Each structure stands twice: as structure tokens, then as C-alpha cells.
C-alpha atoms as a PDB file:
ATOM      1  CA  MET A   1      31.964  51.910 -54.726  1.00  0.00           C
ATOM      2  CA  LYS A   2      30.714  49.282 -52.291  1.00  0.00           C
ATOM      3  CA  GLY A   3      29.029  51.940 -50.160  1.00  0.00           C
ATOM      4  CA  TYR A   4      27.230  53.315 -53.200  1.00  0.00           C
ATOM      5  CA  LYS A   5      26.164  49.849 -54.381  1.00  0.00           C
ATOM      6  CA  ASP A   6      24.969  48.645 -50.960  1.00  0.00           C
ATOM      7  CA  GLY A   7      23.455  52.013 -50.056  1.00  0.00           C
ATOM      8  CA  SER A   8      20.748  51.564 -52.676  1.00  0.00           C
ATOM      9  CA  VAL A   9      19.558  48.354 -50.974  1.00  0.00           C
ATOM     10  CA  THR A  10      20.352  49.019 -47.336  1.00  0.00           C
ATOM     11  CA  ARG A  11      20.966  52.198 -45.434  1.00  0.00           C
ATOM     12  CA  PHE A  12      24.469  53.657 -45.800  1.00  0.00           C
ATOM     13  CA  TYR A  13      26.382  54.175 -42.544  1.00  0.00           C
ATOM     14  CA  PRO A  14      29.557  56.265 -42.964  1.00  0.00           C
ATOM     15  CA  HIS A  15      31.064  54.985 -39.700  1.00  0.00           C
ATOM     16  CA  LYS A  16      30.745  51.386 -40.937  1.00  0.00           C
ATOM     17  CA  PHE A  17      32.139  52.304 -44.347  1.00  0.00           C
ATOM     18  CA  VAL A  18      35.386  53.686 -42.890  1.00  0.00           C
ATOM     19  CA  ARG A  19      35.862  50.970 -40.258  1.00  0.00           C
ATOM     20  CA  SER A  20      37.939  48.617 -42.432  1.00  0.00           C
ATOM     21  CA  PRO A  21      40.248  51.343 -43.823  1.00  0.00           C
ATOM     22  CA  ILE A  22      40.834  52.681 -40.307  1.00  0.00           C
ATOM     23  CA  ASN A  23      41.576  49.198 -38.945  1.00  0.00           C
ATOM     24  CA  GLY A  24      43.829  48.571 -41.962  1.00  0.00           C
ATOM     25  CA  ALA A  25      45.670  51.845 -41.352  1.00  0.00           C
ATOM     26  CA  ILE A  26      46.196  50.963 -37.689  1.00  0.00           C
ATOM     27  CA  GLY A  27      47.461  47.536 -38.700  1.00  0.00           C
ATOM     28  CA  GLY A  28      49.639  49.071 -41.399  1.00  0.00           C
ATOM     29  CA  LEU A  29      51.228  51.430 -38.880  1.00  0.00           C
ATOM     30  CA  ILE A  30      51.990  48.539 -36.545  1.00  0.00           C
ATOM     31  CA  VAL A  31      53.391  46.354 -39.326  1.00  0.00           C
ATOM     32  CA  SER A  32      55.311  49.205 -40.980  1.00  0.00           C
ATOM     33  CA  LEU A  33      57.710  49.249 -38.041  1.00  0.00           C
ATOM     34  CA  HIS A  34      58.888  45.756 -38.975  1.00  0.00           C
ATOM     35  CA  ALA A  35      57.897  45.099 -42.602  1.00  0.00           C
ATOM     36  CA  GLY A  36      60.730  44.285 -44.974  1.00  0.00           C
ATOM     37  CA  GLY A  37      58.931  45.415 -48.102  1.00  0.00           C
ATOM     38  CA  LEU A  38      55.683  46.589 -49.600  1.00  0.00           C
ATOM     39  CA  ARG A  39      54.323  43.051 -49.964  1.00  0.00           C
ATOM     40  CA  PHE A  40      54.700  42.327 -46.264  1.00  0.00           C
ATOM     41  CA  LEU A  41      53.296  45.725 -45.351  1.00  0.00           C
ATOM     42  CA  VAL A  42      50.141  45.145 -47.419  1.00  0.00           C
ATOM     43  CA  LEU A  43      49.671  41.571 -46.193  1.00  0.00           C
ATOM     44  CA  GLY A  44      50.251  42.642 -42.602  1.00  0.00           C
ATOM     45  CA  ALA A  45      47.797  45.527 -42.889  1.00  0.00           C
ATOM     46  CA  ILE A  46      45.134  43.212 -44.303  1.00  0.00           C
ATOM     47  CA  ALA A  47      45.774  40.622 -41.588  1.00  0.00           C
ATOM     48  CA  CYS A  48      45.649  43.248 -38.839  1.00  0.00           C
ATOM     49  CA  GLU A  49      42.415  44.686 -40.225  1.00  0.00           C
ATOM     50  CA  ARG A  50      40.762  41.266 -40.072  1.00  0.00           C
ATOM     51  CA  MET A  51      42.180  40.539 -36.612  1.00  0.00           C
ATOM     52  CA  LEU A  52      40.956  43.851 -35.180  1.00  0.00           C
ATOM     53  CA  THR A  53      37.522  43.567 -36.779  1.00  0.00           C
ATOM     54  CA  GLU A  54      37.044  39.983 -35.611  1.00  0.00           C
ATOM     55  CA  LEU A  55      38.278  40.897 -32.133  1.00  0.00           C
ATOM     56  CA  PHE A  56      35.630  43.564 -31.845  1.00  0.00           C
ATOM     57  CA  PHE A  57      32.675  41.717 -33.350  1.00  0.00           C
ATOM     58  CA  LYS A  58      33.321  38.136 -32.298  1.00  0.00           C
ATOM     59  CA  VAL A  59      35.031  38.475 -28.920  1.00  0.00           C
ATOM     60  CA  LEU A  60      34.137  41.856 -27.434  1.00  0.00           C
ATOM     61  CA  ARG A  61      30.510  41.705 -28.661  1.00  0.00           C
ATOM     62  CA  PRO A  62      29.678  37.989 -28.284  1.00  0.00           C
ATOM     63  CA  GLY A  63      25.932  38.270 -28.969  1.00  0.00           C
ATOM     64  CA  TYR A  64      26.344  40.369 -32.108  1.00  0.00           C
ATOM     65  CA  VAL A  65      24.482  39.169 -35.204  1.00  0.00           C
ATOM     66  CA  GLY A  66      25.942  40.863 -38.268  1.00  0.00           C
ATOM     67  CA  GLY A  67      24.971  41.248 -41.873  1.00  0.00           C
ATOM     68  CA  HIS A  68      23.216  43.750 -44.114  1.00  0.00           C
ATOM     69  CA  PHE A  69      19.790  42.314 -43.426  1.00  0.00           C
ATOM     70  CA  ARG A  70      20.252  41.850 -39.710  1.00  0.00           C
ATOM     71  CA  SER A  71      17.527  40.176 -37.728  1.00  0.00           C
ATOM     72  CA  THR A  72      17.304  39.651 -34.015  1.00  0.00           C
ATOM     73  CA  ASP A  73      17.861  35.926 -34.499  1.00  0.00           C
ATOM     74  CA  PRO A  74      21.016  34.450 -36.049  1.00  0.00           C
ATOM     75  CA  ALA A  75      20.586  32.461 -39.274  1.00  0.00           C
ATOM     76  CA  HIS A  76      22.463  29.487 -37.796  1.00  0.00           C
ATOM     77  CA  PRO A  77      21.949  29.593 -34.023  1.00  0.00           C
ATOM     78  CA  GLU A  78      23.924  26.388 -33.437  1.00  0.00           C
ATOM     79  CA  TRP A  79      27.105  28.308 -34.288  1.00  0.00           C
ATOM     80  CA  MET A  80      26.582  30.726 -31.415  1.00  0.00           C
ATOM     81  CA  SER A  81      27.541  27.914 -29.032  1.00  0.00           C
ATOM     82  CA  ARG A  82      30.155  26.397 -31.369  1.00  0.00           C
ATOM     83  CA  ARG A  83      31.982  29.707 -31.659  1.00  0.00           C
ATOM     84  CA  ARG A  84      34.030  28.938 -28.585  1.00  0.00           C
ATOM     85  CA  LEU A  85      35.802  26.188 -30.577  1.00  0.00           C
ATOM     86  CA  PHE A  86      37.591  28.922 -32.501  1.00  0.00           C
ATOM     87  CA  ILE A  87      38.815  30.825 -29.452  1.00  0.00           C
ATOM     88  CA  VAL A  88      42.031  28.768 -29.113  1.00  0.00           C
ATOM     89  CA  PRO A  89      43.243  29.266 -32.721  1.00  0.00           C
ATOM     90  CA  TYR A  90      42.195  32.907 -32.553  1.00  0.00           C
ATOM     91  CA  LEU A  91      44.080  33.503 -29.304  1.00  0.00           C
ATOM     92  CA  LEU A  92      47.126  31.703 -30.732  1.00  0.00           C
ATOM     93  CA  THR A  93      47.019  34.074 -33.713  1.00  0.00           C
ATOM     94  CA  TRP A  94      47.091  37.074 -31.365  1.00  0.00           C
ATOM     95  CA  VAL A  95      49.852  35.536 -29.221  1.00  0.00           C
ATOM     96  CA  LEU A  96      51.941  34.914 -32.350  1.00  0.00           C
ATOM     97  CA  PHE A  97      51.285  38.445 -33.631  1.00  0.00           C
ATOM     98  CA  VAL A  98      52.212  40.118 -30.347  1.00  0.00           C
ATOM     99  CA  GLY A  99      55.196  37.801 -29.907  1.00  0.00           C
ATOM    100  CA  LEU A 100      56.548  38.638 -33.365  1.00  0.00           C
ATOM    101  CA  TRP A 101      55.931  42.321 -32.738  1.00  0.00           C
ATOM    102  CA  ILE A 102      57.865  42.213 -29.457  1.00  0.00           C
ATOM    103  CA  ALA A 103      60.658  40.092 -30.970  1.00  0.00           C
ATOM    104  CA  GLY A 104      61.050  42.609 -33.808  1.00  0.00           C
ATOM    105  CA  ARG A 105      61.557  45.559 -31.473  1.00  0.00           C
END
């Protein structure tokens, strides 16, 4: 539904449309090995989807400016330099995730 709605305003890209479900499925597979119920599986899949997406767009592509109506300049350029403030909590999230995954094996 979102692809149909947004496609009338911006161009529809199938590879972008399936990115979140694919990341969620990857996260769900990882979490399914250790989830104790459906609730934890769903929450873990959602968390993994966000972690993988943010890893790609915020860490691996540091100059990326996202959004439907992308311009070459970010809307709030001061945050491009402030982004590094969030690296520590983000890395701690990954360390905790990998640590729990290893501990559960």
C-alpha cells in the first residue's frame, strides 16, 4: 500500500520497497534461533531490521542524504557533524546484540 501511495508522488523503486521486509526476514531468522515466543520473534525482527538499515545508511554510507524528495544538500547540515555523537550508543547496541546472540548459542 505504501508503495502505491508514494509511487503517485515520487518514483517507485521495487528494490527500495522490498528492503525492509528482506532486512526483517534476515533479522527474524537470526532471532528465531533464540526467541522464546512469537512476541519476541516479532520484536527482534523489527529491531534487527532497523539495526541493519541504519548500519547501511548511517555508518556504511556516511554522506548519504535520504528522503523521498532528496536534494544534494541535507536539510539540517549541522547534524552531519553531530552524527558521530550517536556512534557509541549504536555500537553498544550491536555489541549487546552480538553478545546475546553468542550467549544464546
